[in-house]
Amino acid sequence: QQKGAPDMSGSFGAISLGNEPTMHVPYLYSLVGYPARTQELVGRLLDGLFSDRADGLPGNDDLGQMSSWAIFSMLGFYPVDPCSGEYALGRPMVEQAEL
């Protein structure tokens, strides 16, 4: 790896957001009664792994999954189990949004 090259694995401590099967992990804290931990962790992940640069995603944006995670997270919720119709709550990073 060349010096200064971005880490495209999405590794952040013990969490790896570089692959879709683990994108829900930061929201598990909310599901077991620790929403503040989810909020803090998601904020750190957004700040540390995502940006508006060409290399601003922590992995391959297969079918928009990385981008979708960032958008859901900035809106303050995430579909941990998309088939259930339920969402884990985080903390909104925006005052308002229009989709």
Protein backbone atom coordinates (compact mmCIF):
# COMPACT_ATOMS: atom_id res chain seq x y z
CA GLN A 1 0.00 0.00 0.00
CA GLN A 2 1.39 3.37 -0.92
CA LYS A 3 1.96 5.87 1.84
CA GLY A 4 -1.06 8.05 2.46
CA ALA A 5 -3.44 5.85 0.47
CA PRO A 6 -6.94 5.69 1.96
CA ASP A 7 -8.06 2.62 3.90
CA MET A 8 -10.80 1.25 1.66
CA SER A 9 -11.57 -1.67 4.00
CA GLY A 10 -13.81 0.47 6.16
CA SER A 11 -12.10 -0.76 9.31
CA PHE A 12 -12.77 1.37 12.36
CA GLY A 13 -11.53 -0.40 15.46
CA ALA A 14 -13.31 -3.76 15.58
CA ILE A 15 -16.04 -2.63 13.16
CA SER A 16 -15.71 -2.98 9.41
CA LEU A 17 -18.14 -1.01 7.26
CA GLY A 18 -16.32 -1.96 4.07
CA ASN A 19 -18.69 -4.86 3.43
CA GLU A 20 -22.48 -4.80 3.44
CA PRO A 21 -23.18 -7.69 5.87
CA THR A 22 -21.83 -5.63 8.78
CA MET A 23 -23.48 -2.27 8.06
CA HIS A 24 -26.14 -2.84 10.74
CA VAL A 25 -23.70 -3.53 13.60
CA PRO A 26 -23.44 0.07 14.97
CA TYR A 27 -27.23 0.11 15.38
CA LEU A 28 -27.37 -3.02 17.52
CA TYR A 29 -26.60 -0.90 20.60
CA SER A 30 -29.95 0.88 20.11
CA LEU A 31 -31.79 -2.42 19.90
CA VAL A 32 -30.44 -3.54 23.28
CA GLY A 33 -31.12 -0.28 25.11
CA TYR A 34 -27.96 1.78 24.52
CA PRO A 35 -28.99 4.38 21.92
CA ALA A 36 -26.35 6.87 23.07
CA ARG A 37 -23.65 4.35 22.15
CA THR A 38 -25.16 3.95 18.66
CA GLN A 39 -25.34 7.72 18.24
CA GLU A 40 -21.73 8.26 19.31
CA LEU A 41 -20.40 5.41 17.18
CA VAL A 42 -22.36 6.34 14.05
CA GLY A 43 -21.14 9.93 14.38
CA ARG A 44 -17.53 8.76 14.61
CA LEU A 45 -17.98 6.42 11.63
CA LEU A 46 -19.53 9.14 9.46
CA ASP A 47 -16.78 11.60 10.40
CA GLY A 48 -13.94 9.10 10.03
CA LEU A 49 -14.90 7.05 6.99
CA PHE A 50 -17.18 9.14 4.76
CA SER A 51 -16.48 12.37 2.88
CA ASP A 52 -17.34 14.15 -0.35
CA ARG A 53 -13.97 13.27 -1.94
CA ALA A 54 -13.51 10.71 -4.71
CA ASP A 55 -12.32 8.19 -2.08
CA GLY A 56 -15.00 9.20 0.43
CA LEU A 57 -16.64 5.78 0.89
CA PRO A 58 -15.15 2.96 2.98
CA GLY A 59 -15.54 0.30 0.31
CA ASN A 60 -17.44 -0.57 -2.85
CA ASP A 61 -20.81 1.17 -3.15
CA ASP A 62 -22.56 -1.99 -4.40
CA LEU A 63 -26.05 -0.97 -5.49
CA GLY A 64 -25.70 2.18 -3.38
CA GLN A 65 -25.43 0.40 -0.01
CA MET A 66 -22.56 2.53 1.36
CA SER A 67 -24.27 5.73 0.26
CA SER A 68 -27.61 4.53 1.64
CA TRP A 69 -26.03 3.75 5.02
CA ALA A 70 -24.63 7.28 5.17
CA ILE A 71 -27.95 8.87 4.18
CA PHE A 72 -30.01 6.80 6.63
CA SER A 73 -27.46 7.52 9.35
CA MET A 74 -27.48 11.26 8.68
CA LEU A 75 -31.29 11.16 8.85
CA GLY A 76 -31.08 9.41 12.24
CA PHE A 77 -32.50 5.94 11.62
CA TYR A 78 -31.55 2.66 9.96
CA PRO A 79 -33.45 -0.46 8.78
CA VAL A 80 -31.47 -3.10 10.68
CA ASP A 81 -33.89 -5.75 9.40
CA PRO A 82 -35.38 -4.28 6.23
CA CYS A 83 -38.05 -6.99 6.04
CA SER A 84 -39.52 -6.07 9.44
CA GLY A 85 -40.59 -2.51 8.63
CA GLU A 86 -38.94 -1.36 11.87
CA TYR A 87 -36.03 1.03 12.24
CA ALA A 88 -33.30 1.46 14.85
CA LEU A 89 -33.00 5.07 15.92
CA GLY A 90 -29.81 7.07 15.89
CA ARG A 91 -29.30 10.84 16.00
CA PRO A 92 -30.14 13.07 13.03
CA MET A 93 -27.18 14.99 11.65
CA VAL A 94 -29.44 17.41 9.75
CA GLU A 95 -32.18 19.78 10.86
CA GLN A 96 -34.48 18.80 8.01
CA ALA A 97 -34.44 16.70 4.86
CA GLU A 98 -36.59 16.23 1.81
CA LEU A 99 -36.54 13.01 -0.16
